[in-house]
Protein backbone atom coordinates (compact mmCIF):
# COMPACT_ATOMS: atom_id res chain seq x y z
CA GLY A 1 34.33 -4.16 45.20
CA THR A 2 30.73 -4.08 43.25
CA SER A 3 27.05 -5.05 44.52
CA THR A 4 25.36 -8.29 43.05
CA CYS A 5 24.56 -7.98 39.02
CA HIS A 6 20.78 -7.23 39.64
CA ALA A 7 20.69 -5.40 43.08
CA PRO A 8 18.59 -2.27 43.02
CA LEU A 9 21.05 0.79 42.74
CA SER A 10 20.32 3.60 45.44
CA THR A 11 17.30 6.09 44.78
CA SER A 12 19.48 9.17 45.94
CA THR A 13 19.72 11.40 43.67
CA PRO A 14 23.20 12.66 42.75
CA PRO A 15 24.21 15.47 40.16
CA PRO A 16 23.73 15.73 37.04
CA PRO A 17 26.99 13.81 35.18
CA GLU A 18 29.36 15.98 32.37
CA PRO A 19 29.21 14.15 29.12
CA CYS A 20 31.68 12.10 27.49
CA PRO A 21 34.95 14.21 26.62
CA ARG A 22 34.06 13.30 22.36
CA ALA A 23 30.62 15.47 23.55
CA ARG A 24 31.83 18.53 25.16
CA ALA A 25 33.42 20.63 22.12
CA ARG A 26 29.64 20.23 20.66
CA VAL A 27 27.63 20.60 23.95
CA ARG A 28 29.87 24.02 24.17
CA ALA A 29 30.06 24.88 20.73
CA GLY A 30 25.56 24.51 20.37
CA GLY A 31 25.78 21.77 18.48
CA PRO A 32 23.33 18.75 18.36
CA GLY A 33 24.94 17.08 21.54
CA LEU A 34 23.69 20.42 23.27
CA ASP A 35 19.54 19.86 22.79
CA ARG A 36 18.58 16.44 24.63
CA SER A 37 15.41 17.66 25.81
CA ALA A 38 13.13 17.39 22.48
CA THR A 39 9.64 17.51 23.47
CA GLY A 40 6.67 15.92 21.16
CA LEU A 41 7.87 12.94 20.00
CA SER A 42 5.71 10.41 17.97
CA MET A 43 6.44 6.66 19.00
CA PRO A 44 9.75 6.03 18.60
CA GLU A 45 10.79 5.92 15.08
CA LEU A 46 13.87 6.09 12.58
CA PRO A 47 14.51 9.85 13.97
CA GLU A 48 13.39 9.11 17.78
CA VAL A 49 15.79 6.09 17.74
CA GLU A 50 18.61 8.41 16.45
CA ALA A 51 17.89 10.67 18.78
CA ALA A 52 18.19 8.24 21.45
CA ARG A 53 22.25 6.89 19.92
CA GLY A 54 22.92 11.14 20.23
CA LEU A 55 21.82 11.15 24.14
CA VAL A 56 23.77 7.55 24.95
CA GLU A 57 26.52 9.08 22.74
CA THR A 58 26.66 12.09 24.34
CA TRP A 59 26.65 11.10 28.07
CA CYS A 60 27.37 7.63 28.13
CA VAL A 61 30.52 6.58 25.28
CA GLY A 62 33.64 6.40 26.25
CA LYS A 63 32.93 5.28 30.19
CA ARG A 64 33.34 2.07 32.17
CA ILE A 65 30.32 -0.21 33.14
CA GLU A 66 30.22 -0.22 36.87
CA LEU A 67 26.42 -1.90 37.67
CA VAL A 68 23.49 -3.42 35.76
CA VAL A 69 20.42 -4.34 37.70
CA ASP A 70 18.33 -6.33 35.43
CA VAL A 71 14.99 -6.22 37.10
CA GLU A 72 12.38 -3.50 37.08
CA GLN A 73 12.21 -0.93 38.91
CA GLY A 74 10.49 2.28 39.51
CA GLY A 75 7.81 1.19 41.10
CA GLY A 76 5.61 -0.68 38.43
CA PRO A 77 3.28 -3.77 38.91
CA ARG A 78 6.24 -6.24 37.77
CA ASP A 79 9.02 -4.29 40.13
CA GLY A 80 11.69 -6.02 41.64
CA LYS A 81 10.62 -8.77 39.02
CA TYR A 82 13.11 -9.85 35.24
CA ASP A 83 10.71 -9.52 32.28
CA ASP A 84 11.87 -12.61 30.47
CA ILE A 85 9.58 -10.73 27.22
CA VAL A 86 11.82 -8.04 27.08
CA TYR A 87 14.97 -9.51 27.40
CA ALA A 88 14.57 -11.45 24.49
CA ASP A 89 15.98 -14.60 23.16
CA GLU A 90 15.14 -16.73 26.39
CA LEU A 91 17.86 -14.40 27.90
CA PRO A 92 18.92 -16.14 31.61
CA GLN A 93 18.87 -13.48 34.56
CA SER A 94 22.15 -11.81 35.23
CA GLY A 95 23.16 -13.17 31.89
CA VAL A 96 23.22 -8.85 30.29
CA CYS A 97 24.45 -8.26 33.79
CA GLU A 98 27.74 -10.10 33.12
CA ALA A 99 28.42 -9.60 29.83
CA MET A 100 28.42 -5.68 30.36
CA ARG A 101 29.58 -5.11 33.60
CA GLY A 102 33.28 -4.19 33.64
CA ARG A 103 33.74 -3.39 29.94
CA THR A 104 33.61 0.08 28.68
CA LEU A 105 31.09 1.40 26.18
CA THR A 106 33.13 2.17 23.22
CA ALA A 107 30.12 2.95 20.15
CA CYS A 108 26.89 3.65 20.08
CA LYS A 109 25.49 2.80 16.51
CA ARG A 110 21.92 2.20 14.63
CA LYS A 111 20.55 0.72 11.51
CA GLY A 112 16.53 1.54 11.58
CA LYS A 113 14.62 1.04 14.42
CA HIS A 114 17.44 -1.22 16.64
CA LEU A 115 20.19 0.24 18.75
CA TRP A 116 23.79 -1.16 19.77
CA TRP A 117 26.23 -0.86 22.14
CA GLU A 118 29.49 -1.88 21.46
CA LEU A 119 31.56 -2.71 24.19
CA SER A 120 35.25 -3.12 24.58
CA GLY A 121 37.44 -6.32 25.16
CA LEU A 122 35.87 -10.03 24.20
CA GLY A 123 32.18 -10.33 24.42
CA PRO A 124 28.55 -9.72 23.03
CA SER A 125 27.14 -6.22 21.82
CA VAL A 126 23.85 -5.30 24.09
CA LEU A 127 21.10 -4.42 21.06
CA PHE A 128 18.21 -3.02 21.54
CA HIS A 129 14.64 -2.37 19.81
CA PHE A 130 12.36 -0.23 21.09
CA GLY A 131 9.00 -1.56 19.59
CA MET A 132 6.34 1.24 20.35
CA THR A 133 7.47 2.61 23.91
CA GLY A 134 10.75 1.95 24.69
CA ALA A 135 13.43 5.15 25.38
CA PHE A 136 16.97 6.02 27.18
CA LEU A 137 16.58 8.65 30.04
CA VAL A 138 20.01 9.55 31.61
CA MET A 139 19.61 10.91 35.21
CA GLY A 140 19.95 14.39 35.16
CA VAL A 141 18.81 15.02 31.66
CA GLU A 142 15.52 16.15 30.74
CA ALA A 143 13.73 13.18 29.23
CA PHE A 144 11.83 13.10 25.84
CA LYS A 145 8.37 13.56 25.60
CA TYR A 146 6.33 11.28 22.97
CA GLN A 147 3.10 12.50 21.55
CA GLU A 148 1.58 8.41 22.66
CA PHE A 149 3.17 8.78 26.26
CA THR A 150 4.83 10.07 28.52
CA ILE A 151 7.86 8.93 30.86
CA ARG A 152 7.67 10.23 34.13
CA ASP A 153 11.39 11.62 35.64
CA ASP A 154 10.37 12.43 38.58
CA LYS A 155 11.92 10.22 40.39
CA TRP A 156 15.48 8.00 39.85
CA PRO A 157 15.27 5.25 38.06
CA PRO A 158 12.13 5.93 36.62
CA ARG A 159 8.63 3.62 36.60
CA TYR A 160 9.04 0.73 34.31
CA THR A 161 12.76 0.29 34.29
CA LYS A 162 13.67 -2.68 32.55
CA MET A 163 17.73 -1.51 33.02
CA HIS A 164 19.72 0.22 35.19
CA VAL A 165 22.82 1.00 33.96
CA LYS A 166 25.61 2.82 36.18
CA PHE A 167 28.77 4.12 35.12
CA LYS A 168 31.91 4.55 36.87
CA ASP A 169 31.82 8.28 36.48
CA GLY A 170 28.68 8.45 38.08
CA THR A 171 26.06 8.65 34.97
CA GLU A 172 23.39 6.32 35.44
CA ILE A 173 21.24 5.54 32.56
CA ALA A 174 18.21 3.51 32.17
CA PHE A 175 15.98 1.55 29.64
CA CYS A 176 12.44 2.02 30.04
CA ASP A 177 9.52 0.51 28.00
CA PRO A 178 5.66 0.36 29.78
CA ARG A 179 4.44 -1.65 27.20
CA ARG A 180 6.71 -3.79 27.22
CA LEU A 181 7.17 -4.05 23.38
CA GLY A 182 11.08 -3.84 23.44
CA ARG A 183 13.36 -6.01 22.99
CA ILE A 184 16.94 -6.59 24.81
CA ARG A 185 19.29 -8.92 22.89
CA LEU A 186 22.95 -9.81 23.12
CA ARG A 187 24.86 -10.47 19.14
CA HIS A 188 28.10 -10.95 18.56
CA GLN A 189 28.33 -9.64 15.43
CA VAL A 190 25.06 -7.78 14.98
CA LEU A 191 25.34 -6.63 11.31
CA GLU A 192 25.53 -10.60 10.04
CA GLU A 193 22.76 -12.23 12.63
CA GLN A 194 19.10 -11.29 13.25
CA PRO A 195 16.99 -9.13 13.08
CA VAL A 196 19.47 -6.49 11.76
CA SER A 197 20.71 -8.97 9.44
CA LEU A 198 17.48 -8.94 7.70
CA LEU A 199 17.26 -5.41 7.64
CA ALA A 200 17.27 -3.35 3.93
CA SER A 201 19.24 0.07 3.78
CA ASP A 202 19.14 2.71 6.34
CA PRO A 203 17.91 6.19 4.71
CA TYR A 204 19.44 8.24 7.11
CA THR A 205 22.57 7.23 6.89
CA ALA A 206 22.69 4.48 3.26
CA LEU A 207 19.48 5.61 1.42
CA PRO A 208 19.97 3.01 -1.45
CA PRO A 209 21.14 4.97 -5.20
CA LEU A 210 17.93 6.21 -7.50
CA LYS A 211 18.57 3.60 -9.52
CA ALA A 212 18.37 0.53 -7.05
CA PHE A 213 15.92 2.34 -5.27
CA THR A 214 13.54 2.01 -9.01
CA GLU A 215 14.34 -1.40 -8.97
CA GLY A 216 13.14 -2.47 -5.76
CA LEU A 217 9.81 -0.34 -6.32
CA GLY A 218 9.07 -2.08 -9.45
CA LYS A 219 9.38 -5.37 -8.05
CA GLN A 220 6.52 -4.47 -5.33
CA THR A 221 3.24 -5.15 -6.27
CA ARG A 222 1.78 -4.23 -2.76
CA ASN A 223 0.71 -0.27 -2.20
CA ILE A 224 2.84 1.94 -1.22
CA LYS A 225 2.43 2.01 1.79
CA ALA A 226 3.11 -1.46 2.91
CA VAL A 227 6.70 -1.42 1.18
CA LEU A 228 7.75 1.79 2.77
CA LEU A 229 6.58 0.24 6.51
CA ASP A 230 8.34 -3.38 5.35
CA GLN A 231 11.56 -3.15 7.74
CA SER A 232 13.32 -5.85 5.24
CA SER A 233 11.75 -4.00 1.82
CA ILE A 234 13.64 -0.90 0.35
CA VAL A 235 14.62 1.22 3.48
CA SER A 236 14.72 0.21 7.27
CA GLY A 237 13.46 2.93 9.92
CA VAL A 238 10.31 4.44 8.26
CA GLY A 239 7.55 3.76 10.37
CA ASN A 240 3.97 4.92 10.33
CA TRP A 241 3.70 8.93 11.02
CA VAL A 242 7.25 9.19 9.14
CA CYS A 243 5.82 7.04 6.09
CA ASP A 244 2.79 9.73 5.85
CA GLU A 245 5.17 12.67 5.86
CA ILE A 246 7.13 11.29 2.90
CA LEU A 247 4.20 10.11 1.02
CA TYR A 248 2.16 13.75 1.38
CA HIS A 249 5.42 15.62 0.23
CA SER A 250 5.12 13.39 -2.78
CA LYS A 251 1.98 13.98 -3.12
CA ILE A 252 1.56 10.04 -4.24
CA ASP A 253 -1.91 8.00 -3.04
CA PRO A 254 -0.26 5.84 -0.51
CA ASN A 255 -3.02 2.88 -1.48
CA THR A 256 -1.28 2.93 -4.86
CA LYS A 257 0.71 0.02 -5.61
CA ALA A 258 4.26 0.43 -5.47
CA ASN A 259 5.49 -0.78 -8.89
CA SER A 260 2.20 1.61 -10.89
CA LEU A 261 4.70 4.70 -9.91
CA ASP A 262 6.76 6.42 -13.23
CA GLU A 263 10.40 8.22 -13.36
CA ASP A 264 9.22 11.31 -12.19
CA GLN A 265 7.03 10.22 -8.73
CA VAL A 266 9.90 7.54 -7.95
CA ARG A 267 12.28 10.25 -8.40
CA THR A 268 10.08 13.14 -5.95
CA LEU A 269 9.35 9.98 -3.18
CA HIS A 270 13.16 9.24 -3.11
CA ASP A 271 14.19 13.06 -2.74
CA SER A 272 11.00 13.04 -0.09
CA ILE A 273 12.57 10.44 1.74
CA ALA A 274 15.70 11.86 2.35
CA MET A 275 14.28 15.58 3.29
CA VAL A 276 11.77 14.31 5.92
CA VAL A 277 14.42 12.20 7.21
CA GLN A 278 17.78 14.27 7.33
CA LYS A 279 15.56 17.14 8.57
CA ALA A 280 13.61 14.61 11.28
CA CYS A 281 17.12 13.99 12.78
CA MET A 282 18.83 17.19 12.58
CA VAL A 283 16.71 18.65 15.03
CA ASN A 284 16.63 15.64 17.70
CA ALA A 285 13.29 14.62 16.74
CA ASP A 286 11.66 17.43 18.15
CA SER A 287 8.50 17.85 16.38
CA THR A 288 8.42 21.86 17.96
CA LYS A 289 11.22 21.98 15.26
CA PHE A 290 9.88 20.58 11.96
CA PRO A 291 8.66 22.96 9.59
CA GLU A 292 5.47 24.19 9.99
CA ASP A 293 3.57 22.98 7.27
CA TRP A 294 4.51 19.13 8.11
CA ILE A 295 0.97 16.87 8.78
CA PHE A 296 2.80 15.89 11.61
CA HIS A 297 1.50 19.31 13.57
CA LEU A 298 -2.68 17.61 12.48
CA ARG A 299 -2.55 13.92 12.68
CA TRP A 300 -3.05 13.52 16.34
CA ARG A 301 -5.70 16.47 15.56
CA ARG A 302 -9.26 15.59 16.87
CA LYS A 303 -12.23 14.77 14.37
CA SER A 304 -15.13 16.25 15.00
CA SER A 305 -18.56 14.47 15.68
CA LYS A 306 -19.97 15.01 11.91
CA ASP A 307 -17.07 14.12 9.95
CA ARG A 308 -15.18 10.89 11.61
CA LYS A 309 -12.71 10.55 8.82
CA GLY A 310 -11.93 14.55 8.65
CA LEU A 311 -8.86 16.21 9.96
CA GLY A 312 -9.69 19.82 9.18
CA SER A 313 -6.88 21.00 6.27
CA ASP A 314 -3.52 21.24 6.04
CA HIS A 315 -0.64 24.61 5.61
CA TYR A 316 -2.11 24.82 1.88
CA GLY A 317 -5.76 24.69 3.04
CA ASN A 318 -5.95 21.21 1.27
CA SER A 319 -8.48 18.77 3.33
CA LEU A 320 -7.36 16.16 5.39
CA ARG A 321 -8.17 12.82 5.54
CA LYS A 322 -7.20 9.41 8.34
CA ASP A 323 -8.18 6.48 6.80
CA THR A 324 -6.52 3.17 7.80
CA VAL A 325 -4.29 1.60 5.28
CA ALA A 326 -1.62 -1.05 5.40
CA GLY A 327 -3.25 -1.49 8.33
CA ARG A 328 -2.02 1.45 9.76
CA SER A 329 -3.97 5.04 10.92
CA THR A 330 -3.08 6.88 7.45
CA VAL A 331 -3.03 11.14 7.34
CA TRP A 332 -3.52 12.23 4.16
CA ALA A 333 -4.48 14.55 1.26
CA PRO A 334 -6.49 13.30 -1.71
CA LYS A 335 -6.81 16.43 -3.09
CA ILE A 336 -3.05 16.34 -4.02
CA GLN A 337 -1.95 12.73 -3.21
CA LYS A 338 -3.01 11.20 -6.45
CA ALA A 339 -2.41 7.22 -7.71
CA GLY A 340 0.58 6.18 -9.78
CA ASN A 341 0.86 6.63 -13.87
CA ILE A 342 1.53 3.46 -14.70
CA ARG A 343 -0.82 0.63 -15.01
CA THR A 344 0.16 -2.67 -13.59
CA ASN A 345 0.70 -4.08 -16.65
CA GLY A 346 3.34 -1.64 -17.85
CA LYS A 347 1.47 0.73 -19.66
CA SER A 348 1.97 4.44 -18.59
CA THR A 349 -1.89 5.98 -18.31
CA LYS A 350 -0.49 9.65 -18.27
CA LYS A 351 -0.87 11.75 -21.39
CA ARG A 352 2.90 11.92 -22.41
CA ILE A 353 3.88 14.27 -25.65
CA SER A 354 6.52 12.27 -27.16
CA LYS A 355 6.46 10.37 -30.40
CA ARG A 356 6.41 6.92 -28.47
CA SER A 357 2.95 8.19 -26.37
CA GLU A 358 1.48 9.72 -29.74
CA SER A 359 2.27 6.49 -31.67
CA SER A 360 1.14 4.54 -28.61
CA GLY A 361 -2.06 6.60 -28.42
CA ASP A 362 -2.99 5.76 -31.92
CA SER A 363 -2.04 1.73 -31.38
CA ASN A 364 -4.80 2.26 -28.86
CA LYS A 365 -7.37 3.80 -31.09
CA ARG A 366 -6.75 1.11 -33.61
CA LYS A 367 -7.51 -1.56 -31.00
CA ARG A 368 -10.52 0.32 -29.70
CA LYS A 369 -11.70 0.43 -33.00
CA GLY A 370 -11.30 -3.06 -33.56
CA LYS A 371 -13.20 -3.52 -30.91
CA SER A 372 -16.33 -1.47 -32.10
CA ASP A 373 -16.20 -2.96 -35.34
CA ALA A 374 -16.32 -6.97 -33.99
CA GLY A 375 -19.03 -5.12 -32.09
CA GLY A 376 -21.25 -4.23 -34.94
CA MET A 377 -20.32 -7.22 -37.13
CA LYS A 378 -21.35 -9.54 -34.03
CA GLU A 379 -24.48 -7.27 -34.30
CA ARG A 380 -25.14 -7.76 -37.37
CA ALA A 381 -24.40 -11.55 -37.69
CA ALA A 382 -27.26 -11.74 -34.76
CA THR A 383 -29.66 -10.09 -36.81
CA ILE A 384 -29.19 -11.92 -39.86
CA ARG A 385 -29.13 -15.28 -37.88
CA ASN A 386 -32.77 -13.60 -36.62
CA ARG A 387 -34.44 -12.73 -39.91
CA SER A 388 -33.02 -16.50 -41.49
CA ASN A 389 -35.12 -18.34 -38.59
CA SER A 390 -37.85 -15.98 -39.47
CA ALA A 391 -37.95 -16.48 -43.15
CA ARG A 392 -37.54 -20.66 -42.51
CA LYS A 393 -40.54 -20.33 -40.09
CA LEU A 394 -42.69 -18.31 -43.18
CA SER A 395 -41.26 -21.49 -45.62
CA LYS A 396 -43.07 -24.04 -43.63
CA VAL A 397 -45.83 -22.06 -43.31
CA SER A 398 -45.78 -21.01 -47.08
CA LYS A 399 -45.60 -24.84 -47.58
CA SER A 400 -48.14 -26.10 -45.42
CA GLU A 401 -50.42 -23.84 -46.92
CA ASP A 402 -49.93 -24.49 -50.67
CA ALA A 403 -50.79 -28.00 -49.46
CA ILE A 404 -54.28 -26.71 -48.19
CA VAL A 405 -54.57 -24.53 -51.55
CA ARG A 406 -54.17 -27.90 -53.83
CA SER A 407 -56.06 -30.54 -51.67
CA LYS A 408 -59.27 -27.59 -51.44
CA TYR A 409 -59.59 -26.09 -54.85
CA PHE A 410 -57.93 -29.47 -56.69
CA SER A 411 -59.10 -32.18 -55.17
CA ASP A 412 -59.53 -34.23 -59.16
CA PRO A 413 -56.23 -35.39 -59.74
CA GLU A 414 -57.39 -35.54 -63.41
CA GLU A 415 -57.94 -31.56 -63.50
CA THR A 416 -54.39 -30.39 -62.31
CA VAL A 417 -53.39 -27.67 -64.29
CA ASN A 418 -50.25 -24.85 -64.01
CA VAL A 419 -51.01 -22.20 -61.79
CA ASP A 420 -49.13 -19.21 -61.54
CA ASN A 421 -47.10 -19.21 -57.85
CA SER A 422 -48.38 -15.31 -57.44
CA LEU A 423 -51.35 -17.22 -55.77
CA LEU A 424 -49.54 -19.73 -53.69
CA SER A 425 -48.03 -16.81 -51.71
CA MET A 426 -51.36 -14.72 -50.59
CA ASP A 427 -53.20 -15.47 -47.94
CA PRO A 428 -55.84 -17.30 -49.14
CA ILE A 429 -58.67 -16.18 -46.84
CA THR A 430 -57.27 -12.54 -46.45
CA GLY A 431 -55.95 -12.26 -49.88
CA GLN A 432 -52.22 -10.40 -48.31
CA ARG A 433 -49.40 -10.97 -50.19
CA LEU A 434 -46.62 -12.87 -47.89
CA ASN A 435 -44.05 -12.02 -49.94
CA LEU A 436 -42.14 -15.59 -49.07
CA ARG A 437 -38.52 -16.26 -50.20
CA ARG A 438 -37.89 -18.89 -53.11
CA SER A 439 -35.46 -21.20 -53.18
CA LYS A 440 -33.44 -20.78 -56.51
CA ARG A 441 -34.86 -24.50 -57.50
CA ASN A 442 -38.10 -23.10 -56.79
CA SER A 443 -37.25 -19.64 -58.35
CA ALA A 444 -35.96 -21.78 -61.90
CA ARG A 445 -39.95 -23.74 -62.13
CA LYS A 446 -41.82 -20.42 -61.38
CA LEU A 447 -44.71 -20.41 -63.73
CA SER A 448 -45.37 -16.95 -63.60
CA ASN A 449 -44.84 -16.17 -67.36
CA THR A 450 -45.55 -19.89 -68.78
CA SER A 451 -48.47 -19.80 -70.85
CA ILE A 452 -51.77 -22.08 -69.92
CA THR A 453 -51.76 -24.38 -72.87
CA LYS A 454 -55.19 -26.25 -71.97
CA THR A 455 -58.22 -24.92 -72.00
CA GLN A 456 -60.21 -25.74 -69.56
CA ASN A 457 -62.67 -24.43 -66.95
CA SER A 458 -60.85 -23.74 -63.57
CA ILE A 459 -62.04 -22.26 -60.24
CA ASP A 460 -60.12 -18.86 -58.88
CA PRO A 461 -58.61 -19.72 -55.48
CA ILE A 462 -59.77 -16.32 -53.68
CA THR A 463 -63.21 -16.09 -55.51
CA GLY A 464 -64.35 -19.45 -56.06
CA GLU A 465 -66.08 -18.31 -58.72
CA THR A 466 -65.39 -20.50 -62.23
CA VAL A 467 -62.77 -19.19 -64.46
CA ARG A 468 -62.49 -20.19 -68.37
CA GLN A 469 -58.45 -20.22 -69.85
CA GLU A 470 -57.84 -20.27 -73.16
């Protein structure tokens, strides 16, 4: 018989287990099942979760579950306690144990960062999400070593073990999570239930066709990094380091808006997603086997005290920066990673050699010329208004001066004579001409060419002398 569901297993270390029958051929042939001791992993993203799926498939698939322990083990601060945070959806203690015990692990599948065990018979599947520090460890098999944390496997079960499973043939596997950000759930229809049903396409197993990929990006107004990190938007499983690597090889600024990418940039991005994900998964997320020109090798480099944002140069001599984009630490090369070539209103800012672009360029020139002409007309209109206002002011002054001259020199109403209007356009004090414009009515009444028909004495308005006119 078996012990109680949540009883701790023996801490003695049995001999290393044999891989499942379907994986033996690959192990002997030196295929993916051979190397499960990857070192230098980042936090769990698609490549790391895919490596974990391969680990389970190699050592556990096809074996019957004998015992499950759902309390924490390994000597941590919560040792012996049931973690009701990691066991999500208010799963009662022993609920997972009872759902798994006595069933055979028939398949281990993955979508995005989620991984699940399909079990024989009736009952739910077990769904795992690794969070930031989740990991599977198989007893006797070297553990993954992550860049940002380490799972110690010097004793069994390891520290921070949340679930410990023992198979009938003696194989044991543990799910560890130091930061308690991972989740364990039960689902009857994994692909049709949340959270997996909310995920976008998996870029490793089902990358969207270029046409659908282009249409999806065209609907996004967020920056491209935020879109790629959104697990329900375009693709799922892309995390922080994978996203930075993709944008670096695409030569796209992580701050640029997704709908500003032109056709060439979208195609390059699509190809880069496939390339980065496939190469990382082919080496089981072992960063020591990543291509030497990847910026993954440089993202954890310590920044100098003088240049806190600088990370030195990439493999080709381009300066790297570390900034915060979409709320995440971002490593990129500003010199080669450029913004989108299409404005948010859909008009391209990139110069293209085509009739369509030439015609649009001519149209833009006409628009700019029209704007400048309109601006010039406004300025000229303002100048004319100012001149008109000045003329009106001077006209008022002229009328008042006219009244003064008439009252001063022709005080006797009987001595009214026709006076040349040119005299009234002169300053009576200085003698300077005012150059005032008369209205049409006053112009019609000009007396400059009218002869004086009455002979009489008059006074010169300038000199004050008596002038005899005939």
